[in-house]
Amino acid sequence: MRPARVLVVDDEGPIAEVLTAMLSFAGFSVRAAASCAQARTVAREFAPELAVLDVMLPDGSGLDLCLELRARDQDLAVLLLSARDGVEDKVAGLALGADDYVTKPFSTAEVVARLNVLLRRGLAATEAVLRLRVGDLELDEQTHHVARAGRAITLSPTEFRLLRFLMRNAELVLSRRQLLREVWGYEWGGETAVVEKFISQLRGKIDADGAVPLLHTVRGFGYAMREPVA
């Protein structure tokens, strides 16, 4: 198999050099950029499958760059790097389309491990051709189309993965820690507020406009996607 292509965008030379060396050693094909403008050029030529983006760049925000790159390629997996470690900062980055978030200073081994998780997740997604249904809510794993009672619903990549996991496990009660592990791909300590935030956003989209609720909170245990009771 050919090496997976990774774009590293960071204006701190030492960090970019270490990441490039470690990722190359781990078997990835790597290109680096030090600004948003340079990243756009490299992305067009290199067509990366994975991107590591610093949030603070000299000519713009890594969050805006994430949105732009994902608009060009919805299958691109994005890992954000930031010195900010607050839950709200992580939620904001994930809500804008990033797949994962690492705070500085970080271990290069951790970055490699998380990129491998994103790569495996992407390969699994390309193999899945399933249409999931709970009540009048439908999710197409191939086209990423989501609709309820014929009404199209727009979801961020993280919201989509969360909904897909809930629908795949309909009727089961899933804990916050389980959702962190299965949807985000790793343990995030006690930061279950991330899950609560995304559950709230998801509920606001799929159970909106007076529809019969499908996403339920099971107090003391977690969340469950359930068929409406006749």
Protein backbone atom coordinates (compact mmCIF):
# COMPACT_ATOMS: atom_id res chain seq x y z
CA MET A 1 0.00 0.00 0.00
CA ARG A 2 1.22 3.53 -0.71
CA PRO A 3 1.97 5.78 2.29
CA ALA A 4 -0.87 7.98 3.52
CA ARG A 5 -0.28 11.65 2.70
CA VAL A 6 -0.10 14.12 5.62
CA LEU A 7 0.03 17.91 5.44
CA VAL A 8 1.68 19.56 8.48
CA VAL A 9 0.93 23.29 8.90
CA ASP A 10 2.85 25.06 11.68
CA ASP A 11 4.87 28.30 11.59
CA GLU A 12 7.20 27.12 14.37
CA GLY A 13 10.08 25.60 12.42
CA PRO A 14 11.32 23.16 15.09
CA ILE A 15 7.83 21.73 15.64
CA ALA A 16 7.21 21.31 11.91
CA GLU A 17 10.61 19.66 11.44
CA VAL A 18 10.13 17.19 14.31
CA LEU A 19 6.60 16.28 13.17
CA THR A 20 7.77 15.82 9.57
CA ALA A 21 10.64 13.58 10.66
CA MET A 22 8.55 11.48 13.05
CA LEU A 23 5.66 11.05 10.63
CA SER A 24 8.03 10.12 7.80
CA PHE A 25 9.70 7.58 10.09
CA ALA A 26 6.22 6.19 10.92
CA GLY A 27 5.59 5.54 7.23
CA PHE A 28 3.61 8.61 6.15
CA SER A 29 4.32 10.78 3.12
CA VAL A 30 4.66 14.29 4.55
CA ARG A 31 4.64 17.86 3.26
CA ALA A 32 4.95 20.93 5.51
CA ALA A 33 3.69 24.50 5.25
CA ALA A 34 4.25 27.53 7.50
CA SER A 35 1.19 29.62 6.63
CA CYS A 36 -2.39 29.40 5.38
CA ALA A 37 -1.37 30.62 1.93
CA GLN A 38 1.41 28.04 1.63
CA ALA A 39 -0.90 25.32 2.94
CA ARG A 40 -3.48 26.05 0.23
CA THR A 41 -0.84 25.68 -2.48
CA VAL A 42 0.59 22.47 -1.02
CA ALA A 43 -2.89 20.99 -0.51
CA ARG A 44 -3.81 21.56 -4.16
CA GLU A 45 -0.63 19.84 -5.38
CA PHE A 46 -0.29 17.16 -2.70
CA ALA A 47 -3.95 16.16 -2.11
CA PRO A 48 -3.42 15.10 1.53
CA GLU A 49 -5.59 12.53 3.28
CA LEU A 50 -4.65 13.85 6.73
CA ALA A 51 -3.77 17.33 7.97
CA VAL A 52 -2.12 18.57 11.17
CA LEU A 53 -3.00 22.25 11.59
CA ASP A 54 -1.74 24.74 14.14
CA VAL A 55 -4.63 26.93 15.30
CA MET A 56 -2.55 30.14 15.34
CA LEU A 57 -0.87 30.90 12.01
CA PRO A 58 0.82 34.14 10.86
CA ASP A 59 -1.68 34.92 8.10
CA GLY A 60 -4.91 33.55 9.56
CA SER A 61 -6.61 31.00 11.76
CA GLY A 62 -6.08 27.28 11.53
CA LEU A 63 -9.80 26.91 12.26
CA ASP A 64 -10.67 28.88 9.12
CA LEU A 65 -8.11 26.87 7.16
CA CYS A 66 -9.72 23.67 8.46
CA LEU A 67 -13.11 24.79 7.13
CA GLU A 68 -11.59 25.71 3.77
CA LEU A 69 -9.71 22.44 3.32
CA ARG A 70 -12.70 20.36 4.42
CA ALA A 71 -14.90 22.23 1.94
CA ARG A 72 -12.54 21.09 -0.84
CA ASP A 73 -12.27 17.51 0.44
CA GLN A 74 -14.87 16.25 2.92
CA ASP A 75 -12.86 13.05 3.46
CA LEU A 76 -9.79 14.94 4.72
CA ALA A 77 -9.10 14.10 8.39
CA VAL A 78 -7.89 17.08 10.44
CA LEU A 79 -5.93 17.12 13.70
CA LEU A 80 -5.65 20.55 15.35
CA LEU A 81 -2.66 21.72 17.40
CA SER A 82 -3.16 24.46 19.97
CA ALA A 83 -1.71 25.88 23.18
CA ARG A 84 -5.29 26.33 24.43
CA ASP A 85 -6.50 23.35 26.44
CA GLY A 86 -9.95 24.47 27.59
CA VAL A 87 -12.94 22.25 26.85
CA GLU A 88 -14.71 25.08 25.00
CA ASP A 89 -11.67 25.56 22.74
CA LYS A 90 -11.69 21.85 21.90
CA VAL A 91 -15.43 21.83 21.28
CA ALA A 92 -15.13 24.88 19.01
CA GLY A 93 -12.43 23.22 16.93
CA LEU A 94 -14.31 19.94 16.61
CA ALA A 95 -17.57 21.71 15.82
CA LEU A 96 -15.87 23.48 12.91
CA GLY A 97 -14.97 20.18 11.29
CA ALA A 98 -11.75 18.98 12.92
CA ASP A 99 -11.54 15.30 13.83
CA ASP A 100 -9.17 15.56 16.78
CA TYR A 101 -7.41 18.11 18.96
CA VAL A 102 -3.99 18.00 20.65
CA THR A 103 -2.65 20.65 23.03
CA LYS A 104 0.92 21.94 23.10
CA PRO A 105 3.35 20.78 24.34
CA PHE A 106 2.60 17.34 22.94
CA SER A 107 4.26 13.99 22.38
CA THR A 108 5.05 13.28 18.73
CA ALA A 109 4.26 9.62 19.45
CA GLU A 110 0.76 10.70 20.52
CA VAL A 111 0.28 12.65 17.28
CA VAL A 112 1.37 9.62 15.24
CA ALA A 113 -1.00 7.38 17.21
CA ARG A 114 -3.96 9.71 16.76
CA LEU A 115 -3.31 10.08 13.03
CA ASN A 116 -3.26 6.30 12.72
CA VAL A 117 -6.65 6.20 14.48
CA LEU A 118 -8.02 8.77 12.02
CA LEU A 119 -6.56 6.83 9.09
CA ARG A 120 -8.14 3.54 10.22
CA ARG A 121 -11.44 5.33 10.80
CA GLY A 122 -11.35 6.75 7.28
CA LEU A 123 -10.57 3.36 5.73
CA ALA A 124 -13.43 1.77 7.66
CA ALA A 125 -15.81 4.50 6.51
CA THR A 126 -14.94 3.95 2.85
CA GLU A 127 -15.72 0.24 3.23
CA ALA A 128 -19.10 0.84 4.85
CA VAL A 129 -22.08 1.20 2.54
CA LEU A 130 -24.98 1.17 4.97
CA ARG A 131 -28.24 3.01 5.40
CA LEU A 132 -29.23 3.31 9.04
CA ARG A 133 -32.75 4.09 10.20
CA VAL A 134 -34.32 4.84 13.58
CA GLY A 135 -37.95 5.89 13.39
CA ASP A 136 -38.16 8.44 10.58
CA LEU A 137 -34.47 9.38 10.91
CA GLU A 138 -32.20 8.07 8.13
CA LEU A 139 -28.41 8.14 7.75
CA ASP A 140 -26.52 7.04 4.64
CA GLU A 141 -22.95 6.06 5.51
CA GLN A 142 -21.76 6.31 1.92
CA THR A 143 -23.15 9.72 0.94
CA HIS A 144 -23.25 11.14 4.51
CA HIS A 145 -26.82 12.24 3.83
CA VAL A 146 -28.95 12.57 6.98
CA ALA A 147 -32.67 13.30 6.95
CA ARG A 148 -35.65 13.11 9.26
CA ALA A 149 -39.11 12.72 7.75
CA GLY A 150 -37.60 13.82 4.44
CA ARG A 151 -36.02 16.97 5.93
CA ALA A 152 -32.29 17.11 5.22
CA ILE A 153 -30.10 17.70 8.28
CA THR A 154 -26.63 19.24 8.02
CA LEU A 155 -24.10 17.85 10.49
CA SER A 156 -20.44 18.54 11.20
CA PRO A 157 -18.11 15.54 10.75
CA THR A 158 -18.01 14.95 14.51
CA GLU A 159 -21.80 15.20 14.83
CA PHE A 160 -22.13 12.71 11.97
CA ARG A 161 -19.82 10.18 13.62
CA LEU A 162 -21.65 10.57 16.93
CA LEU A 163 -25.06 10.08 15.34
CA ARG A 164 -23.82 7.09 13.32
CA PHE A 165 -22.53 5.38 16.47
CA LEU A 166 -25.76 6.07 18.35
CA MET A 167 -27.85 4.73 15.46
CA ARG A 168 -25.66 1.65 15.03
CA ASN A 169 -26.29 0.93 18.71
CA ALA A 170 -29.95 1.96 18.84
CA GLU A 171 -31.82 0.98 22.03
CA LEU A 172 -28.53 0.54 23.95
CA VAL A 173 -27.55 2.97 26.72
CA LEU A 174 -24.09 4.36 25.93
CA SER A 175 -21.98 6.05 28.61
CA ARG A 176 -20.17 9.34 28.07
CA ARG A 177 -16.80 7.61 28.40
CA GLN A 178 -17.85 5.00 25.86
CA LEU A 179 -18.85 7.72 23.40
CA LEU A 180 -15.52 9.51 23.94
CA ARG A 181 -13.64 6.32 23.22
CA GLU A 182 -15.67 5.12 20.23
CA VAL A 183 -16.43 8.45 18.50
CA TRP A 184 -13.27 10.41 19.26
CA GLY A 185 -11.01 7.38 19.34
CA TYR A 186 -9.33 7.80 22.71
CA GLU A 187 -9.87 8.57 26.39
CA TRP A 188 -10.20 12.26 27.26
CA GLY A 189 -9.88 11.94 31.01
CA GLY A 190 -12.84 13.47 32.77
CA GLU A 191 -13.73 15.89 29.98
CA THR A 192 -17.17 14.43 29.38
CA ALA A 193 -18.45 17.98 28.87
CA VAL A 194 -17.36 17.55 25.26
CA VAL A 195 -19.85 14.72 24.84
CA GLU A 196 -22.60 16.67 26.57
CA LYS A 197 -22.02 19.66 24.29
CA PHE A 198 -22.22 17.56 21.11
CA ILE A 199 -25.24 15.61 22.33
CA SER A 200 -27.01 18.93 22.92
CA GLN A 201 -26.09 20.17 19.42
CA LEU A 202 -27.17 16.89 17.84
CA ARG A 203 -30.48 16.82 19.71
CA GLY A 204 -31.19 20.37 18.55
CA LYS A 205 -30.90 19.20 14.95
CA ILE A 206 -32.58 15.80 14.88
CA ASP A 207 -35.31 16.39 17.47
CA ALA A 208 -36.18 19.92 16.34
CA ASP A 209 -39.52 21.46 15.39
CA GLY A 210 -41.64 19.45 17.82
CA ALA A 211 -40.62 16.05 16.47
CA VAL A 212 -41.01 13.00 18.71
CA PRO A 213 -37.65 12.72 20.56
CA LEU A 214 -35.33 9.95 19.39
CA LEU A 215 -32.22 10.86 21.41
CA HIS A 216 -32.75 10.28 25.12
CA THR A 217 -30.73 11.02 28.26
CA VAL A 218 -30.67 8.15 30.74
CA ARG A 219 -29.81 9.90 33.99
CA GLY A 220 -26.77 8.49 35.74
CA PHE A 221 -25.87 6.25 32.80
CA GLY A 222 -25.61 8.06 29.47
CA TYR A 223 -27.56 8.37 26.23
CA ALA A 224 -29.67 6.15 23.97
CA MET A 225 -31.18 6.39 20.50
CA ARG A 226 -34.63 4.81 20.63
CA GLU A 227 -37.51 4.12 18.29
CA PRO A 228 -40.58 6.22 19.16
CA VAL A 229 -43.17 4.41 21.25
CA ALA A 230 -46.41 3.83 19.36
